């Protein structure tokens, strides 16, 4: 594997995980709120 390919794959994964990270953060926030109100 060449370096440019790895670099491109890294950027591609980064772009793909950006919305996922926001979704995970929102889900964690909701879980925290739910846990806070349920106890």
N, C-alpha and C. Protein backbone atom coordinates (compact mmCIF):
# COMPACT_ATOMS: atom_id res chain seq x y z
N UNK A 1 0.84 -1.20 0.00
CA UNK A 1 0.00 0.00 0.00
C UNK A 1 0.88 1.25 0.00
N UNK A 2 0.50 2.20 -0.81
CA UNK A 2 1.26 3.44 -0.89
C UNK A 2 0.74 4.46 0.12
N UNK A 3 1.56 5.42 0.45
CA UNK A 3 1.19 6.42 1.43
C UNK A 3 0.02 7.30 1.00
N UNK A 4 -0.03 7.78 -0.23
CA UNK A 4 -1.17 8.61 -0.64
C UNK A 4 -2.51 7.90 -0.47
N UNK A 5 -2.51 6.58 -0.71
CA UNK A 5 -3.74 5.81 -0.55
C UNK A 5 -4.17 5.80 0.91
N UNK A 6 -3.23 5.56 1.82
CA UNK A 6 -3.52 5.54 3.25
C UNK A 6 -4.02 6.90 3.72
N UNK A 7 -3.38 7.96 3.23
CA UNK A 7 -3.78 9.33 3.58
C UNK A 7 -5.20 9.62 3.11
N UNK A 8 -5.50 9.20 1.88
CA UNK A 8 -6.84 9.38 1.33
C UNK A 8 -7.89 8.60 2.10
N UNK A 9 -7.54 7.37 2.46
CA UNK A 9 -8.45 6.52 3.24
C UNK A 9 -8.70 7.14 4.61
N UNK A 10 -7.66 7.70 5.22
CA UNK A 10 -7.79 8.35 6.52
C UNK A 10 -8.75 9.52 6.47
N UNK A 11 -8.59 10.37 5.45
CA UNK A 11 -9.49 11.53 5.25
C UNK A 11 -10.92 11.06 4.99
N UNK A 12 -11.06 10.01 4.19
CA UNK A 12 -12.38 9.46 3.87
C UNK A 12 -13.08 8.97 5.14
N UNK A 13 -12.36 8.24 5.98
CA UNK A 13 -12.91 7.74 7.25
C UNK A 13 -13.27 8.91 8.16
N UNK A 14 -12.41 9.92 8.20
CA UNK A 14 -12.67 11.11 9.03
C UNK A 14 -13.97 11.78 8.62
N UNK A 15 -14.17 11.97 7.31
CA UNK A 15 -15.38 12.60 6.78
C UNK A 15 -16.61 11.73 7.10
N UNK A 16 -16.46 10.41 6.98
CA UNK A 16 -17.57 9.51 7.28
C UNK A 16 -17.95 9.52 8.75
N UNK A 17 -16.95 9.62 9.63
CA UNK A 17 -17.21 9.55 11.07
C UNK A 17 -17.69 10.87 11.68
N UNK A 18 -17.56 11.97 10.94
CA UNK A 18 -18.02 13.25 11.48
C UNK A 18 -19.50 13.25 11.85
N UNK A 19 -20.44 12.89 10.94
CA UNK A 19 -21.85 12.84 11.32
C UNK A 19 -22.13 11.79 12.39
N UNK A 20 -21.39 10.68 12.32
CA UNK A 20 -21.56 9.61 13.31
C UNK A 20 -21.21 10.13 14.70
N UNK A 21 -20.14 10.92 14.80
CA UNK A 21 -19.73 11.47 16.09
C UNK A 21 -20.80 12.38 16.66
N UNK A 22 -21.39 13.22 15.81
CA UNK A 22 -22.46 14.12 16.25
C UNK A 22 -23.66 13.30 16.73
N UNK A 23 -23.98 12.23 16.00
CA UNK A 23 -25.10 11.35 16.35
C UNK A 23 -24.84 10.65 17.68
N UNK A 24 -23.61 10.16 17.88
CA UNK A 24 -23.23 9.51 19.13
C UNK A 24 -23.32 10.50 20.30
N UNK A 25 -22.84 11.72 20.08
CA UNK A 25 -22.90 12.75 21.11
C UNK A 25 -24.35 13.05 21.51
N UNK A 26 -25.23 13.17 20.51
CA UNK A 26 -26.65 13.42 20.77
C UNK A 26 -27.28 12.26 21.53
N UNK A 27 -26.96 11.03 21.11
CA UNK A 27 -27.49 9.84 21.76
C UNK A 27 -27.03 9.76 23.21
N UNK A 28 -25.75 10.06 23.45
CA UNK A 28 -25.21 10.04 24.81
C UNK A 28 -25.89 11.10 25.66
N UNK A 29 -26.11 12.29 25.09
CA UNK A 29 -26.80 13.37 25.80
C UNK A 29 -28.21 12.94 26.20
N UNK A 30 -28.93 12.33 25.26
CA UNK A 30 -30.29 11.88 25.53
C UNK A 30 -30.30 10.78 26.58
N UNK A 31 -29.33 9.89 26.50
CA UNK A 31 -29.22 8.81 27.48
C UNK A 31 -28.95 9.38 28.88
N UNK A 32 -28.10 10.39 28.94
CA UNK A 32 -27.80 11.04 30.22
C UNK A 32 -29.05 11.68 30.81
N UNK A 33 -29.80 12.41 29.96
CA UNK A 33 -31.03 13.06 30.39
C UNK A 33 -32.05 12.03 30.85
N UNK A 34 -32.21 10.97 30.08
CA UNK A 34 -33.16 9.90 30.42
C UNK A 34 -32.79 9.27 31.76
N UNK A 35 -31.51 8.97 31.93
CA UNK A 35 -31.04 8.36 33.17
C UNK A 35 -31.25 9.32 34.34
N UNK A 36 -31.01 10.61 34.11
CA UNK A 36 -31.15 11.63 35.15
C UNK A 36 -32.60 11.75 35.61
N UNK A 37 -33.53 11.72 34.67
CA UNK A 37 -34.95 11.88 35.01
C UNK A 37 -35.60 10.59 35.49
N UNK A 38 -35.05 9.45 35.10
CA UNK A 38 -35.67 8.18 35.48
C UNK A 38 -35.33 7.77 36.91
N UNK A 39 -34.25 8.34 37.48
CA UNK A 39 -33.85 7.98 38.84
C UNK A 39 -34.38 8.98 39.85
